[in-house]
């Protein structure tokens, strides 16, 4: 249960102001069809984070516990620094009728946007730390949905009220705390 709760909270915080949250806003404004967008986000996140969680579990088998502790501690500290760097969404191409439909466009865009993203890297590290693939993937997916689904439905009214810099600082502090804990434990 700890793996699920930590994964959910960490990813929900890390996702605030992230490029995929900005992508959610862009897709909502462009297509104005929230259900296929939210479903596309869910399916893309499940697929992406399932692969990332499997990678994290596999990595732990390659390393001994002492090396893994140092790698995880350093990785969490690196994530803390990374959280302080804001994401910017690249300009998208025009066109009102997507060839893949709203769901397919969202699925593809989200899956690709998550490749190498903070939340994907966090999923790898959390799966390696907790050795609870299902709980970590479920938690990181829920965290993504908690951060992105409201953006789809409520648009930029939410993003104007959330001080992104404060969220990034809080996320950095959480990652730094996890890094210190991993190194000192």
N, C-alpha and C. Protein backbone atom coordinates (compact mmCIF):
# COMPACT_ATOMS: atom_id res chain seq x y z
N UNK A 1 0.82 -1.19 0.00
CA UNK A 1 0.00 0.00 0.00
C UNK A 1 0.88 1.26 0.00
N UNK A 2 2.03 1.19 0.67
CA UNK A 2 2.93 2.34 0.70
C UNK A 2 3.43 2.67 -0.71
N UNK A 3 3.75 1.65 -1.48
CA UNK A 3 4.22 1.87 -2.86
C UNK A 3 3.14 2.58 -3.67
N UNK A 4 1.89 2.19 -3.49
CA UNK A 4 0.78 2.80 -4.22
C UNK A 4 0.61 4.26 -3.82
N UNK A 5 0.58 4.53 -2.53
CA UNK A 5 0.34 5.89 -2.05
C UNK A 5 1.49 6.84 -2.40
N UNK A 6 2.72 6.39 -2.20
CA UNK A 6 3.87 7.23 -2.54
C UNK A 6 3.91 7.48 -4.05
N UNK A 7 3.68 6.44 -4.83
CA UNK A 7 3.68 6.58 -6.30
C UNK A 7 2.60 7.55 -6.77
N UNK A 8 1.42 7.44 -6.20
CA UNK A 8 0.32 8.34 -6.58
C UNK A 8 0.67 9.79 -6.26
N UNK A 9 1.07 10.03 -5.03
CA UNK A 9 1.37 11.40 -4.62
C UNK A 9 2.54 12.02 -5.36
N UNK A 10 3.58 11.25 -5.51
CA UNK A 10 4.78 11.74 -6.17
C UNK A 10 4.51 12.10 -7.63
N UNK A 11 3.83 11.24 -8.34
CA UNK A 11 3.56 11.50 -9.76
C UNK A 11 2.54 12.62 -9.92
N UNK A 12 1.54 12.68 -9.07
CA UNK A 12 0.57 13.78 -9.16
C UNK A 12 1.27 15.12 -8.97
N UNK A 13 2.18 15.20 -8.02
CA UNK A 13 2.96 16.43 -7.81
C UNK A 13 3.90 16.70 -8.98
N UNK A 14 4.60 15.67 -9.42
CA UNK A 14 5.58 15.84 -10.51
C UNK A 14 4.90 16.24 -11.81
N UNK A 15 3.66 15.86 -11.99
CA UNK A 15 2.95 16.13 -13.23
C UNK A 15 2.47 17.57 -13.34
N UNK A 16 2.37 18.28 -12.21
CA UNK A 16 1.89 19.66 -12.24
C UNK A 16 2.85 20.53 -13.06
N UNK A 17 2.33 21.13 -14.11
CA UNK A 17 3.14 21.98 -14.96
C UNK A 17 4.00 21.22 -15.95
N UNK A 18 3.88 19.89 -15.97
CA UNK A 18 4.67 19.06 -16.87
C UNK A 18 4.13 19.19 -18.30
N UNK A 19 4.94 18.81 -19.27
CA UNK A 19 4.51 18.95 -20.67
C UNK A 19 3.26 18.12 -20.98
N UNK A 20 3.08 16.99 -20.31
CA UNK A 20 1.88 16.20 -20.60
C UNK A 20 0.63 16.86 -20.01
N UNK A 21 0.78 17.61 -18.93
CA UNK A 21 -0.36 18.36 -18.42
C UNK A 21 -0.70 19.50 -19.39
N UNK A 22 0.32 20.12 -19.93
CA UNK A 22 0.09 21.14 -20.95
C UNK A 22 -0.52 20.52 -22.21
N UNK A 23 -0.10 19.31 -22.53
CA UNK A 23 -0.69 18.59 -23.66
C UNK A 23 -2.17 18.32 -23.41
N UNK A 24 -2.53 17.97 -22.18
CA UNK A 24 -3.94 17.76 -21.82
C UNK A 24 -4.75 19.02 -22.10
N UNK A 25 -4.22 20.15 -21.70
CA UNK A 25 -4.89 21.42 -21.90
C UNK A 25 -5.04 21.72 -23.39
N UNK A 26 -3.99 21.48 -24.15
CA UNK A 26 -4.01 21.72 -25.58
C UNK A 26 -5.05 20.83 -26.27
N UNK A 27 -5.07 19.54 -25.94
CA UNK A 27 -6.03 18.61 -26.54
C UNK A 27 -7.46 18.98 -26.18
N UNK A 28 -7.67 19.38 -24.92
CA UNK A 28 -9.02 19.77 -24.49
C UNK A 28 -9.49 21.02 -25.23
N UNK A 29 -8.61 21.97 -25.40
CA UNK A 29 -8.98 23.20 -26.10
C UNK A 29 -9.20 22.94 -27.59
N UNK A 30 -8.43 22.05 -28.15
CA UNK A 30 -8.51 21.79 -29.59
C UNK A 30 -9.72 20.94 -29.97
N UNK A 31 -9.98 19.87 -29.21
CA UNK A 31 -11.01 18.92 -29.62
C UNK A 31 -12.33 19.06 -28.86
N UNK A 32 -12.29 19.57 -27.65
CA UNK A 32 -13.50 19.77 -26.83
C UNK A 32 -14.35 18.50 -26.69
N UNK A 33 -13.66 17.37 -26.53
CA UNK A 33 -14.32 16.07 -26.31
C UNK A 33 -13.59 15.40 -25.15
N UNK A 34 -14.00 15.70 -23.90
CA UNK A 34 -13.21 15.25 -22.75
C UNK A 34 -13.11 13.74 -22.57
N UNK A 35 -14.19 12.97 -22.83
CA UNK A 35 -14.14 11.54 -22.54
C UNK A 35 -13.11 10.80 -23.39
N UNK A 36 -13.06 10.98 -24.71
CA UNK A 36 -12.02 10.27 -25.47
C UNK A 36 -10.61 10.74 -25.11
N UNK A 37 -10.48 11.99 -24.71
CA UNK A 37 -9.16 12.50 -24.32
C UNK A 37 -8.71 11.83 -23.02
N UNK A 38 -9.60 11.81 -22.02
CA UNK A 38 -9.25 11.19 -20.73
C UNK A 38 -8.98 9.70 -20.90
N UNK A 39 -9.78 9.02 -21.71
CA UNK A 39 -9.55 7.60 -21.95
C UNK A 39 -8.22 7.37 -22.66
N UNK A 40 -7.89 8.22 -23.61
CA UNK A 40 -6.59 8.13 -24.29
C UNK A 40 -5.43 8.33 -23.34
N UNK A 41 -5.57 9.28 -22.42
CA UNK A 41 -4.54 9.53 -21.40
C UNK A 41 -4.36 8.29 -20.52
N UNK A 42 -5.48 7.71 -20.10
CA UNK A 42 -5.44 6.52 -19.23
C UNK A 42 -4.73 5.35 -19.91
N UNK A 43 -5.13 5.03 -21.13
CA UNK A 43 -4.55 3.88 -21.83
C UNK A 43 -3.06 4.12 -22.12
N UNK A 44 -2.72 5.32 -22.57
CA UNK A 44 -1.31 5.64 -22.87
C UNK A 44 -0.46 5.56 -21.60
N UNK A 45 -0.99 6.07 -20.51
CA UNK A 45 -0.25 6.05 -19.24
C UNK A 45 -0.07 4.63 -18.73
N UNK A 46 -1.13 3.83 -18.79
CA UNK A 46 -1.01 2.43 -18.35
C UNK A 46 0.07 1.70 -19.16
N UNK A 47 0.05 1.86 -20.46
CA UNK A 47 1.04 1.18 -21.31
C UNK A 47 2.45 1.68 -21.02
N UNK A 48 2.61 2.98 -20.96
CA UNK A 48 3.93 3.57 -20.76
C UNK A 48 4.49 3.22 -19.38
N UNK A 49 3.67 3.36 -18.35
CA UNK A 49 4.15 3.11 -16.99
C UNK A 49 4.30 1.62 -16.71
N UNK A 50 3.52 0.78 -17.38
CA UNK A 50 3.72 -0.68 -17.23
C UNK A 50 5.10 -1.06 -17.75
N UNK A 51 5.48 -0.50 -18.89
CA UNK A 51 6.83 -0.76 -19.42
C UNK A 51 7.91 -0.19 -18.51
N UNK A 52 7.69 1.02 -18.01
CA UNK A 52 8.67 1.64 -17.12
C UNK A 52 8.81 0.85 -15.81
N UNK A 53 7.67 0.41 -15.26
CA UNK A 53 7.71 -0.39 -14.03
C UNK A 53 8.42 -1.72 -14.23
N UNK A 54 8.19 -2.33 -15.39
CA UNK A 54 8.88 -3.60 -15.70
C UNK A 54 10.39 -3.36 -15.80
N UNK A 55 10.78 -2.25 -16.40
CA UNK A 55 12.20 -1.91 -16.49
C UNK A 55 12.80 -1.73 -15.10
N UNK A 56 12.08 -1.02 -14.23
CA UNK A 56 12.56 -0.83 -12.85
C UNK A 56 12.73 -2.13 -12.10
N UNK A 57 11.78 -3.04 -12.27
CA UNK A 57 11.87 -4.35 -11.62
C UNK A 57 13.04 -5.15 -12.17
N UNK A 58 13.25 -5.09 -13.48
CA UNK A 58 14.34 -5.82 -14.13
C UNK A 58 15.70 -5.29 -13.67
N UNK A 59 15.81 -3.96 -13.56
CA UNK A 59 17.08 -3.34 -13.15
C UNK A 59 17.51 -3.83 -11.77
N UNK A 60 16.56 -4.02 -10.88
CA UNK A 60 16.91 -4.45 -9.53
C UNK A 60 17.50 -5.85 -9.50
N UNK A 61 17.16 -6.65 -10.49
CA UNK A 61 17.73 -8.00 -10.56
C UNK A 61 19.19 -7.98 -11.01
N UNK A 62 19.57 -6.93 -11.73
CA UNK A 62 20.94 -6.82 -12.24
C UNK A 62 21.91 -6.30 -11.19
N UNK A 63 21.40 -5.54 -10.24
CA UNK A 63 22.27 -4.90 -9.25
C UNK A 63 22.08 -5.55 -7.89
N UNK A 64 23.10 -5.51 -7.12
CA UNK A 64 22.98 -5.95 -5.74
C UNK A 64 22.33 -4.85 -4.92
N UNK A 65 21.92 -5.17 -3.69
CA UNK A 65 21.21 -4.18 -2.88
C UNK A 65 22.04 -2.93 -2.58
N UNK A 66 23.34 -3.08 -2.38
CA UNK A 66 24.17 -1.91 -2.05
C UNK A 66 24.30 -0.96 -3.25
N UNK A 67 24.58 -1.51 -4.43
CA UNK A 67 24.68 -0.68 -5.63
C UNK A 67 23.32 -0.06 -5.96
N UNK A 68 22.26 -0.82 -5.81
CA UNK A 68 20.92 -0.31 -6.08
C UNK A 68 20.59 0.87 -5.16
N UNK A 69 20.96 0.78 -3.90
CA UNK A 69 20.72 1.87 -2.95
C UNK A 69 21.38 3.15 -3.41
N UNK A 70 22.62 3.08 -3.88
CA UNK A 70 23.35 4.27 -4.34
C UNK A 70 22.76 4.80 -5.64
N UNK A 71 22.42 3.91 -6.54
CA UNK A 71 21.83 4.34 -7.82
C UNK A 71 20.48 5.02 -7.57
N UNK A 72 19.64 4.41 -6.73
CA UNK A 72 18.33 5.00 -6.44
C UNK A 72 18.48 6.34 -5.73
N UNK A 73 19.34 6.40 -4.73
CA UNK A 73 19.55 7.66 -4.01
C UNK A 73 20.00 8.76 -4.94
N UNK A 74 20.98 8.47 -5.78
CA UNK A 74 21.46 9.47 -6.75
C UNK A 74 20.39 9.84 -7.76
N UNK A 75 19.60 8.85 -8.18
CA UNK A 75 18.54 9.12 -9.15
C UNK A 75 17.45 10.01 -8.57
N UNK A 76 17.07 9.74 -7.32
CA UNK A 76 16.06 10.59 -6.68
C UNK A 76 16.58 12.01 -6.51
N UNK A 77 17.85 12.17 -6.15
CA UNK A 77 18.42 13.51 -6.02
C UNK A 77 18.47 14.21 -7.38
N UNK A 78 18.80 13.47 -8.44
CA UNK A 78 18.79 14.05 -9.79
C UNK A 78 17.37 14.47 -10.18
N UNK A 79 16.37 13.67 -9.80
CA UNK A 79 14.98 14.03 -10.08
C UNK A 79 14.59 15.30 -9.34
N UNK A 80 15.11 15.48 -8.12
CA UNK A 80 14.81 16.69 -7.36
C UNK A 80 15.30 17.92 -8.13
N UNK A 81 16.49 17.84 -8.69
CA UNK A 81 17.02 18.95 -9.50
C UNK A 81 16.19 19.12 -10.76
N UNK A 82 15.85 18.02 -11.42
CA UNK A 82 15.08 18.06 -12.66
C UNK A 82 13.72 18.72 -12.45
N UNK A 83 13.12 18.51 -11.27
CA UNK A 83 11.82 19.09 -10.98
C UNK A 83 11.87 20.62 -10.97
N UNK A 84 13.04 21.18 -10.75
CA UNK A 84 13.18 22.63 -10.71
C UNK A 84 13.26 23.25 -12.10
N UNK A 85 13.34 22.41 -13.13
CA UNK A 85 13.41 22.90 -14.51
C UNK A 85 12.01 22.79 -15.12
N UNK A 86 11.35 23.91 -15.41
CA UNK A 86 9.99 23.84 -15.95
C UNK A 86 9.95 23.29 -17.37
N UNK A 87 8.85 22.59 -17.68
CA UNK A 87 8.64 22.04 -19.02
C UNK A 87 7.93 23.06 -19.89
N UNK A 88 8.22 23.00 -21.17
CA UNK A 88 7.52 23.82 -22.15
C UNK A 88 7.02 22.89 -23.25
N UNK A 89 5.79 23.11 -23.66
CA UNK A 89 5.20 22.30 -24.71
C UNK A 89 5.55 22.90 -26.06
N UNK A 90 6.04 22.07 -26.98
CA UNK A 90 6.34 22.54 -28.33
C UNK A 90 5.05 22.90 -29.05
N UNK A 91 5.15 23.83 -29.97
CA UNK A 91 3.98 24.23 -30.77
C UNK A 91 3.47 23.04 -31.56
N UNK A 92 2.17 22.80 -31.52
CA UNK A 92 1.58 21.69 -32.27
C UNK A 92 1.19 22.14 -33.67
N UNK A 93 0.90 21.18 -34.50
CA UNK A 93 0.47 21.47 -35.85
C UNK A 93 -1.03 21.72 -35.85
N UNK A 94 -1.50 22.47 -36.83
CA UNK A 94 -2.91 22.79 -36.95
C UNK A 94 -3.71 21.60 -37.45
N UNK A 95 -4.98 21.85 -37.74
CA UNK A 95 -5.84 20.79 -38.27
C UNK A 95 -6.88 20.41 -37.26
N UNK A 96 -8.15 20.47 -37.65
CA UNK A 96 -9.23 20.21 -36.71
C UNK A 96 -9.66 18.75 -36.66
N UNK A 97 -9.49 18.01 -37.73
CA UNK A 97 -9.95 16.62 -37.77
C UNK A 97 -8.74 15.68 -37.75
N UNK A 98 -8.43 15.12 -36.58
CA UNK A 98 -7.27 14.23 -36.52
C UNK A 98 -7.53 12.93 -37.27
N UNK A 99 -6.53 12.46 -37.95
CA UNK A 99 -6.65 11.23 -38.74
C UNK A 99 -6.94 10.03 -37.84
N UNK A 100 -6.39 10.00 -36.65
CA UNK A 100 -6.57 8.86 -35.75
C UNK A 100 -7.78 9.02 -34.83
N UNK A 101 -8.52 10.10 -34.96
CA UNK A 101 -9.62 10.38 -34.05
C UNK A 101 -9.07 11.00 -32.77
N UNK A 102 -9.96 11.50 -31.94
CA UNK A 102 -9.54 12.17 -30.70
C UNK A 102 -8.85 11.17 -29.77
N UNK A 103 -9.44 9.98 -29.57
CA UNK A 103 -8.83 8.98 -28.71
C UNK A 103 -7.45 8.55 -29.21
N UNK A 104 -7.36 8.20 -30.49
CA UNK A 104 -6.10 7.73 -31.06
C UNK A 104 -5.02 8.80 -31.03
N UNK A 105 -5.41 10.03 -31.33
CA UNK A 105 -4.45 11.14 -31.29
C UNK A 105 -3.93 11.34 -29.88
N UNK A 106 -4.84 11.32 -28.90
CA UNK A 106 -4.44 11.48 -27.50
C UNK A 106 -3.55 10.33 -27.06
N UNK A 107 -3.93 9.12 -27.38
CA UNK A 107 -3.15 7.93 -27.01
C UNK A 107 -1.72 8.03 -27.54
N UNK A 108 -1.58 8.31 -28.81
CA UNK A 108 -0.26 8.40 -29.42
C UNK A 108 0.54 9.58 -28.87
N UNK A 109 -0.09 10.73 -28.78
CA UNK A 109 0.60 11.92 -28.29
C UNK A 109 1.08 11.72 -26.86
N UNK A 110 0.22 11.17 -26.00
CA UNK A 110 0.59 10.97 -24.60
C UNK A 110 1.67 9.91 -24.44
N UNK A 111 1.54 8.82 -25.16
CA UNK A 111 2.54 7.75 -25.05
C UNK A 111 3.91 8.30 -25.43
N UNK A 112 3.98 9.03 -26.53
CA UNK A 112 5.26 9.59 -26.98
C UNK A 112 5.76 10.68 -26.05
N UNK A 113 4.86 11.53 -25.55
CA UNK A 113 5.26 12.62 -24.66
C UNK A 113 5.82 12.09 -23.34
N UNK A 114 5.36 10.93 -22.92
CA UNK A 114 5.83 10.35 -21.66
C UNK A 114 7.20 9.67 -21.78
N UNK A 115 7.65 9.39 -22.98
CA UNK A 115 8.94 8.71 -23.16
C UNK A 115 10.06 9.59 -22.61
N UNK A 116 10.75 9.08 -21.60
CA UNK A 116 11.86 9.81 -21.00
C UNK A 116 11.43 10.98 -20.13
N UNK A 117 10.13 11.09 -19.85
CA UNK A 117 9.61 12.18 -19.03
C UNK A 117 9.89 11.90 -17.55
N UNK A 118 9.76 12.94 -16.74
CA UNK A 118 9.99 12.81 -15.30
C UNK A 118 9.16 11.70 -14.67
N UNK A 119 7.88 11.63 -15.05
CA UNK A 119 7.02 10.64 -14.43
C UNK A 119 7.36 9.22 -14.87
N UNK A 120 7.85 9.06 -16.09
CA UNK A 120 8.28 7.74 -16.53
C UNK A 120 9.54 7.32 -15.78
N UNK A 121 10.48 8.23 -15.65
CA UNK A 121 11.71 7.95 -14.91
C UNK A 121 11.37 7.65 -13.44
N UNK A 122 10.46 8.43 -12.88
CA UNK A 122 10.03 8.19 -11.50
C UNK A 122 9.41 6.81 -11.35
N UNK A 123 8.64 6.38 -12.34
CA UNK A 123 8.02 5.05 -12.30
C UNK A 123 9.08 3.96 -12.29
N UNK A 124 10.11 4.12 -13.11
CA UNK A 124 11.22 3.15 -13.12
C UNK A 124 11.85 3.08 -11.74
N UNK A 125 12.16 4.24 -11.16
CA UNK A 125 12.83 4.28 -9.86
C UNK A 125 11.95 3.74 -8.74
N UNK A 126 10.67 4.09 -8.74
CA UNK A 126 9.77 3.60 -7.70
C UNK A 126 9.58 2.09 -7.79
N UNK A 127 9.48 1.56 -9.00
CA UNK A 127 9.36 0.10 -9.16
C UNK A 127 10.63 -0.59 -8.67
N UNK A 128 11.77 0.03 -8.93
CA UNK A 128 13.03 -0.54 -8.45
C UNK A 128 13.11 -0.49 -6.93
N UNK A 129 12.66 0.61 -6.35
CA UNK A 129 12.74 0.75 -4.89
C UNK A 129 11.76 -0.16 -4.17
N UNK A 130 10.51 -0.20 -4.60
CA UNK A 130 9.48 -0.92 -3.86
C UNK A 130 9.30 -2.37 -4.27
N UNK A 131 9.79 -2.75 -5.45
CA UNK A 131 9.61 -4.11 -5.94
C UNK A 131 8.14 -4.53 -5.87
N UNK A 132 7.27 -3.61 -6.26
CA UNK A 132 5.82 -3.85 -6.24
C UNK A 132 5.26 -3.29 -7.54
N UNK A 133 5.57 -3.96 -8.65
CA UNK A 133 5.26 -3.46 -9.98
C UNK A 133 3.79 -3.03 -10.12
N UNK A 134 2.86 -3.88 -9.73
CA UNK A 134 1.44 -3.58 -9.91
C UNK A 134 1.05 -2.33 -9.12
N UNK A 135 1.49 -2.25 -7.87
CA UNK A 135 1.12 -1.11 -7.02
C UNK A 135 1.75 0.18 -7.50
N UNK A 136 2.99 0.11 -7.97
CA UNK A 136 3.65 1.31 -8.48
C UNK A 136 2.97 1.78 -9.77
N UNK A 137 2.71 0.88 -10.69
CA UNK A 137 2.06 1.27 -11.95
C UNK A 137 0.65 1.80 -11.67
N UNK A 138 -0.09 1.15 -10.78
CA UNK A 138 -1.43 1.64 -10.43
C UNK A 138 -1.33 3.03 -9.79
N UNK A 139 -0.37 3.23 -8.92
CA UNK A 139 -0.20 4.52 -8.25
C UNK A 139 0.24 5.63 -9.20
N UNK A 140 1.22 5.34 -10.04
CA UNK A 140 1.69 6.37 -10.97
C UNK A 140 0.61 6.71 -12.00
N UNK A 141 -0.17 5.71 -12.40
CA UNK A 141 -1.26 5.97 -13.34
C UNK A 141 -2.33 6.82 -12.69
N UNK A 142 -2.69 6.50 -11.45
CA UNK A 142 -3.67 7.32 -10.73
C UNK A 142 -3.14 8.74 -10.56
N UNK A 143 -1.87 8.89 -10.21
CA UNK A 143 -1.28 10.22 -10.08
C UNK A 143 -1.38 11.02 -11.37
N UNK A 144 -1.11 10.35 -12.50
CA UNK A 144 -1.24 11.02 -13.80
C UNK A 144 -2.68 11.45 -14.05
N UNK A 145 -3.62 10.58 -13.73
CA UNK A 145 -5.02 10.90 -13.97
C UNK A 145 -5.50 12.02 -13.04
N UNK A 146 -5.04 12.01 -11.80
CA UNK A 146 -5.41 13.09 -10.87
C UNK A 146 -4.91 14.45 -11.34
N UNK A 147 -3.76 14.46 -11.99
CA UNK A 147 -3.20 15.71 -12.47
C UNK A 147 -3.75 16.13 -13.82
N UNK A 148 -4.10 15.18 -14.68
CA UNK A 148 -4.47 15.51 -16.06
C UNK A 148 -5.97 15.55 -16.34
N UNK A 149 -6.76 14.66 -15.74
CA UNK A 149 -8.19 14.64 -16.04
C UNK A 149 -8.87 15.96 -15.67
N UNK A 150 -8.59 16.55 -14.50
CA UNK A 150 -9.24 17.84 -14.22
C UNK A 150 -8.87 18.93 -15.23
N UNK A 151 -7.66 18.87 -15.75
CA UNK A 151 -7.26 19.85 -16.75
C UNK A 151 -8.10 19.71 -18.01
N UNK A 152 -8.39 18.48 -18.38
CA UNK A 152 -9.21 18.24 -19.57
C UNK A 152 -10.61 18.82 -19.35
N UNK A 153 -11.20 18.60 -18.18
CA UNK A 153 -12.56 19.05 -17.93
C UNK A 153 -12.66 20.53 -17.55
N UNK A 154 -11.71 21.00 -16.79
CA UNK A 154 -11.83 22.37 -16.28
C UNK A 154 -10.89 23.36 -16.96
N UNK A 155 -10.03 22.84 -17.83
CA UNK A 155 -9.18 23.71 -18.64
C UNK A 155 -8.25 24.59 -17.84
N UNK A 156 -8.00 25.75 -18.39
CA UNK A 156 -6.97 26.60 -17.79
C UNK A 156 -7.45 27.34 -16.55
N UNK A 157 -8.71 27.21 -16.15
CA UNK A 157 -9.15 27.81 -14.90
C UNK A 157 -8.37 27.24 -13.73
N UNK A 158 -8.02 25.94 -13.81
CA UNK A 158 -7.23 25.30 -12.75
C UNK A 158 -5.78 25.76 -12.82
N UNK A 159 -5.22 25.73 -14.02
CA UNK A 159 -3.80 26.02 -14.14
C UNK A 159 -3.46 27.46 -13.79
N UNK A 160 -4.43 28.35 -13.88
CA UNK A 160 -4.19 29.75 -13.47
C UNK A 160 -4.13 29.88 -11.95
N UNK A 161 -4.80 28.99 -11.23
CA UNK A 161 -4.85 29.08 -9.76
C UNK A 161 -3.74 28.29 -9.08
N UNK A 162 -3.10 27.38 -9.79
CA UNK A 162 -2.05 26.55 -9.19
C UNK A 162 -0.71 27.24 -9.40
N UNK A 163 -0.06 27.64 -8.33
CA UNK A 163 1.28 28.24 -8.48
C UNK A 163 2.30 27.14 -8.84
N UNK A 164 2.57 27.03 -10.11
CA UNK A 164 3.40 25.94 -10.62
C UNK A 164 4.77 25.92 -9.95
N UNK A 165 5.36 27.06 -9.72
CA UNK A 165 6.69 27.10 -9.11
C UNK A 165 6.67 26.46 -7.72
N UNK A 166 5.63 26.72 -6.95
CA UNK A 166 5.50 26.13 -5.61
C UNK A 166 5.36 24.61 -5.71
N UNK A 167 4.57 24.15 -6.67
CA UNK A 167 4.39 22.70 -6.85
C UNK A 167 5.72 22.06 -7.25
N UNK A 168 6.47 22.71 -8.13
CA UNK A 168 7.77 22.17 -8.53
C UNK A 168 8.73 22.12 -7.34
N UNK A 169 8.71 23.15 -6.50
CA UNK A 169 9.58 23.15 -5.32
C UNK A 169 9.19 22.04 -4.34
N UNK A 170 7.88 21.85 -4.14
CA UNK A 170 7.42 20.77 -3.25
C UNK A 170 7.81 19.40 -3.81
N UNK A 171 7.65 19.23 -5.11
CA UNK A 171 8.04 17.96 -5.73
C UNK A 171 9.54 17.72 -5.59
N UNK A 172 10.33 18.76 -5.80
CA UNK A 172 11.78 18.64 -5.66
C UNK A 172 12.14 18.24 -4.23
N UNK A 173 11.45 18.82 -3.26
CA UNK A 173 11.72 18.49 -1.86
C UNK A 173 11.38 17.03 -1.56
N UNK A 174 10.27 16.53 -2.12
CA UNK A 174 9.89 15.13 -1.91
C UNK A 174 10.94 14.20 -2.51
N UNK A 175 11.36 14.49 -3.75
CA UNK A 175 12.38 13.65 -4.40
C UNK A 175 13.70 13.72 -3.62
N UNK A 176 14.07 14.89 -3.14
CA UNK A 176 15.31 15.03 -2.38
C UNK A 176 15.22 14.23 -1.08
N UNK A 177 14.06 14.26 -0.44
CA UNK A 177 13.86 13.47 0.78
C UNK A 177 13.97 11.97 0.51
N UNK A 178 13.37 11.52 -0.58
CA UNK A 178 13.48 10.11 -0.94
C UNK A 178 14.93 9.73 -1.25
N UNK A 179 15.64 10.64 -1.93
CA UNK A 179 17.05 10.39 -2.24
C UNK A 179 17.90 10.28 -0.98
N UNK A 180 17.68 11.21 -0.06
CA UNK A 180 18.43 11.18 1.20
C UNK A 180 18.09 9.92 1.98
N UNK A 181 16.81 9.57 2.01
CA UNK A 181 16.40 8.37 2.74
C UNK A 181 17.06 7.13 2.13
N UNK A 182 17.06 7.04 0.81
CA UNK A 182 17.67 5.87 0.15
C UNK A 182 19.16 5.79 0.43
N UNK A 183 19.84 6.93 0.46
CA UNK A 183 21.29 6.93 0.70
C UNK A 183 21.64 6.68 2.16
N UNK A 184 20.80 7.13 3.07
CA UNK A 184 21.11 7.01 4.50
C UNK A 184 20.56 5.75 5.14
N UNK A 185 19.61 5.09 4.48
CA UNK A 185 18.97 3.90 5.06
C UNK A 185 19.88 2.70 5.03
